[in-house]
Amino acid sequence: MSIDKSLRRKNSLARSRNVLTRAERIKVLQADERWPEGRSPFGLPKVRVLKVGKKGKAKKEETPEAEGDAKGEKKAKK
């Protein structure tokens, strides 16, 4: 049985995985300088998987005019 198109996630391949392949684990160990040359690729130590979170929206810097409006000061209309 297949899943309906409307129920599929749009970024199904973009999500973070919680299991790395052996090659990915070796790359992480090499980056951390924990991989000696000539070591067997079997029986690798555990490697923590860092999940990438979404960045929040940047807050806009308020100008002095906007701060005055926010405090309840009204500009005089001519």
N, C-alpha and C. Protein backbone atom coordinates (compact mmCIF):
# COMPACT_ATOMS: atom_id res chain seq x y z
N MET A 1 0.85 -1.17 0.00
CA MET A 1 0.00 0.00 0.00
C MET A 1 0.90 1.24 0.00
N SER A 2 0.57 2.19 -0.83
CA SER A 2 1.38 3.41 -0.92
C SER A 2 0.69 4.55 -0.18
N ILE A 3 1.46 5.58 0.11
CA ILE A 3 0.93 6.73 0.84
C ILE A 3 0.42 7.76 -0.18
N ASP A 4 -0.66 8.42 0.17
CA ASP A 4 -1.25 9.43 -0.70
C ASP A 4 -0.30 10.62 -0.84
N LYS A 5 -0.31 11.27 -2.01
CA LYS A 5 0.58 12.41 -2.26
C LYS A 5 0.37 13.55 -1.28
N SER A 6 -0.86 13.77 -0.86
CA SER A 6 -1.15 14.87 0.05
C SER A 6 -0.58 14.63 1.45
N LEU A 7 -0.30 13.40 1.78
CA LEU A 7 0.21 13.07 3.12
C LEU A 7 1.73 12.98 3.17
N ARG A 8 2.38 13.02 2.03
CA ARG A 8 3.84 12.93 2.00
C ARG A 8 4.48 14.21 2.50
N ARG A 9 5.61 14.07 3.13
CA ARG A 9 6.36 15.24 3.57
C ARG A 9 7.11 15.79 2.38
N LYS A 10 7.16 17.10 2.26
CA LYS A 10 7.82 17.72 1.13
C LYS A 10 9.33 17.57 1.20
N ASN A 11 9.90 17.65 2.39
CA ASN A 11 11.35 17.56 2.55
C ASN A 11 11.72 16.23 3.19
N SER A 12 11.23 15.16 2.64
CA SER A 12 11.46 13.87 3.26
C SER A 12 12.93 13.48 3.27
N LEU A 13 13.70 13.91 2.28
CA LEU A 13 15.12 13.58 2.25
C LEU A 13 15.98 14.65 2.91
N ALA A 14 15.41 15.79 3.24
CA ALA A 14 16.17 16.87 3.83
C ALA A 14 16.23 16.80 5.35
N ARG A 15 15.48 15.90 5.95
CA ARG A 15 15.49 15.82 7.41
C ARG A 15 16.78 15.17 7.91
N SER A 16 17.09 15.37 9.17
CA SER A 16 18.32 14.82 9.73
C SER A 16 18.11 13.35 10.05
N ARG A 17 19.13 12.58 9.81
CA ARG A 17 19.08 11.15 10.11
C ARG A 17 19.74 10.90 11.44
N ASN A 18 19.33 9.87 12.15
CA ASN A 18 19.95 9.58 13.43
C ASN A 18 20.95 8.43 13.34
N VAL A 19 21.23 7.94 12.14
CA VAL A 19 22.23 6.90 11.94
C VAL A 19 23.11 7.32 10.78
N LEU A 20 24.43 7.28 10.98
CA LEU A 20 25.37 7.63 9.92
C LEU A 20 25.91 6.36 9.28
N THR A 21 26.30 6.47 8.02
CA THR A 21 26.94 5.34 7.37
C THR A 21 28.37 5.23 7.89
N ARG A 22 29.00 4.12 7.62
CA ARG A 22 30.37 3.90 8.10
C ARG A 22 31.31 4.97 7.55
N ALA A 23 31.16 5.32 6.28
CA ALA A 23 32.02 6.34 5.67
C ALA A 23 31.82 7.70 6.34
N GLU A 24 30.56 8.04 6.64
CA GLU A 24 30.27 9.31 7.32
C GLU A 24 30.86 9.32 8.72
N ARG A 25 30.79 8.20 9.42
CA ARG A 25 31.37 8.13 10.76
C ARG A 25 32.89 8.30 10.72
N ILE A 26 33.53 7.70 9.70
CA ILE A 26 34.98 7.83 9.57
C ILE A 26 35.36 9.28 9.29
N LYS A 27 34.58 9.98 8.45
CA LYS A 27 34.85 11.39 8.16
C LYS A 27 34.76 12.25 9.42
N VAL A 28 33.75 11.97 10.25
CA VAL A 28 33.59 12.72 11.50
C VAL A 28 34.77 12.46 12.43
N LEU A 29 35.20 11.19 12.52
CA LEU A 29 36.34 10.85 13.37
C LEU A 29 37.62 11.50 12.86
N GLN A 30 37.80 11.56 11.54
CA GLN A 30 38.98 12.21 10.97
C GLN A 30 38.96 13.70 11.27
N ALA A 31 37.79 14.32 11.20
CA ALA A 31 37.68 15.75 11.48
C ALA A 31 38.01 16.04 12.94
N ASP A 32 37.65 15.12 13.84
CA ASP A 32 37.94 15.28 15.27
C ASP A 32 39.33 14.78 15.63
N GLU A 33 40.09 14.30 14.63
CA GLU A 33 41.44 13.74 14.81
C GLU A 33 41.42 12.55 15.77
N ARG A 34 40.38 11.72 15.64
CA ARG A 34 40.26 10.51 16.46
C ARG A 34 40.44 9.25 15.61
N TRP A 35 40.88 9.42 14.37
CA TRP A 35 41.01 8.30 13.45
C TRP A 35 42.48 8.11 13.07
N PRO A 36 43.17 7.12 13.64
CA PRO A 36 44.56 6.87 13.25
C PRO A 36 44.61 6.18 11.89
N GLU A 37 45.60 6.50 11.10
CA GLU A 37 45.75 5.89 9.77
C GLU A 37 46.01 4.39 9.92
N GLY A 38 45.41 3.63 9.03
CA GLY A 38 45.61 2.19 9.02
C GLY A 38 44.70 1.43 9.98
N ARG A 39 43.78 2.10 10.62
CA ARG A 39 42.87 1.44 11.54
C ARG A 39 41.79 0.69 10.76
N SER A 40 41.30 -0.39 11.32
CA SER A 40 40.24 -1.17 10.69
C SER A 40 38.93 -0.38 10.74
N PRO A 41 38.16 -0.42 9.65
CA PRO A 41 36.87 0.31 9.64
C PRO A 41 35.77 -0.41 10.42
N PHE A 42 36.08 -1.54 11.03
CA PHE A 42 35.08 -2.29 11.79
C PHE A 42 35.22 -1.95 13.28
N GLY A 43 34.13 -1.99 13.99
CA GLY A 43 34.14 -1.71 15.42
C GLY A 43 34.44 -0.26 15.72
N LEU A 44 33.80 0.65 14.97
CA LEU A 44 34.04 2.08 15.16
C LEU A 44 33.45 2.57 16.48
N PRO A 45 34.08 3.58 17.07
CA PRO A 45 33.48 4.16 18.28
C PRO A 45 32.22 4.94 17.92
N LYS A 46 31.41 5.22 18.94
CA LYS A 46 30.18 5.96 18.71
C LYS A 46 30.49 7.38 18.29
N VAL A 47 29.64 7.92 17.41
CA VAL A 47 29.79 9.29 16.93
C VAL A 47 28.46 9.99 17.13
N ARG A 48 28.51 11.14 17.76
CA ARG A 48 27.29 11.89 18.01
C ARG A 48 26.80 12.54 16.73
N VAL A 49 25.51 12.44 16.47
CA VAL A 49 24.90 13.04 15.29
C VAL A 49 24.35 14.39 15.70
N LEU A 50 24.82 15.45 15.06
CA LEU A 50 24.33 16.78 15.36
C LEU A 50 23.15 17.09 14.47
N LYS A 51 22.03 17.39 15.09
CA LYS A 51 20.83 17.73 14.32
C LYS A 51 20.86 19.22 14.02
N VAL A 52 20.51 19.56 12.82
CA VAL A 52 20.49 20.96 12.41
C VAL A 52 19.09 21.49 12.65
N GLY A 53 19.00 22.54 13.46
CA GLY A 53 17.70 23.12 13.76
C GLY A 53 17.42 24.30 12.86
N LYS A 54 16.17 24.70 12.84
CA LYS A 54 15.78 25.85 12.04
C LYS A 54 16.23 27.12 12.73
N LYS A 55 16.66 28.08 11.96
CA LYS A 55 17.03 29.37 12.51
C LYS A 55 15.78 30.23 12.60
N GLY A 56 15.68 30.97 13.70
CA GLY A 56 14.54 31.85 13.89
C GLY A 56 14.66 33.08 13.02
N LYS A 57 13.57 33.76 12.85
CA LYS A 57 13.58 34.98 12.06
C LYS A 57 14.32 36.06 12.81
N ALA A 58 15.11 36.83 12.11
CA ALA A 58 15.86 37.91 12.73
C ALA A 58 14.91 39.05 13.09
N LYS A 59 15.09 39.60 14.27
CA LYS A 59 14.23 40.71 14.68
C LYS A 59 14.71 41.97 13.99
N LYS A 60 13.75 42.78 13.57
CA LYS A 60 14.08 44.03 12.89
C LYS A 60 14.52 45.05 13.92
N GLU A 61 15.55 45.80 13.55
CA GLU A 61 16.00 46.86 14.45
C GLU A 61 15.03 48.03 14.35
N GLU A 62 14.61 48.53 15.50
CA GLU A 62 13.64 49.61 15.49
C GLU A 62 14.35 50.95 15.36
N THR A 63 13.78 51.80 14.55
CA THR A 63 14.32 53.15 14.39
C THR A 63 13.75 54.03 15.50
N PRO A 64 14.35 55.17 15.77
CA PRO A 64 13.81 56.06 16.81
C PRO A 64 12.36 56.48 16.53
N GLU A 65 12.00 56.64 15.25
CA GLU A 65 10.63 57.01 14.92
C GLU A 65 9.67 55.89 15.30
N ALA A 66 10.07 54.67 15.03
CA ALA A 66 9.21 53.53 15.34
C ALA A 66 9.08 53.35 16.84
N GLU A 67 10.14 53.63 17.59
CA GLU A 67 10.08 53.51 19.04
C GLU A 67 9.10 54.53 19.62
N GLY A 68 9.09 55.74 19.07
CA GLY A 68 8.16 56.77 19.54
C GLY A 68 6.72 56.37 19.28
N ASP A 69 6.46 55.74 18.12
CA ASP A 69 5.11 55.29 17.80
C ASP A 69 4.70 54.16 18.73
N ALA A 70 5.64 53.32 19.09
CA ALA A 70 5.32 52.19 19.94
C ALA A 70 5.00 52.65 21.37
N LYS A 71 5.53 53.77 21.79
CA LYS A 71 5.30 54.25 23.15
C LYS A 71 3.98 55.00 23.28
N GLY A 72 3.28 55.21 22.19
CA GLY A 72 1.99 55.89 22.25
C GLY A 72 2.04 57.34 21.85
N GLU A 73 3.17 57.80 21.41
CA GLU A 73 3.27 59.20 20.97
C GLU A 73 2.71 59.29 19.56
N LYS A 74 1.80 60.19 19.35
CA LYS A 74 1.19 60.35 18.04
C LYS A 74 1.77 61.58 17.36
N LYS A 75 1.95 61.45 16.04
CA LYS A 75 2.44 62.58 15.26
C LYS A 75 1.27 63.51 14.95
N ALA A 76 1.55 64.78 14.96
CA ALA A 76 0.49 65.77 14.66
C ALA A 76 0.24 65.81 13.17
N LYS A 77 -1.04 65.72 12.79
CA LYS A 77 -1.41 65.79 11.38
C LYS A 77 -1.77 67.23 11.03
N LYS A 78 -1.38 67.65 9.84
CA LYS A 78 -1.68 69.03 9.39
C LYS A 78 -2.85 69.03 8.47
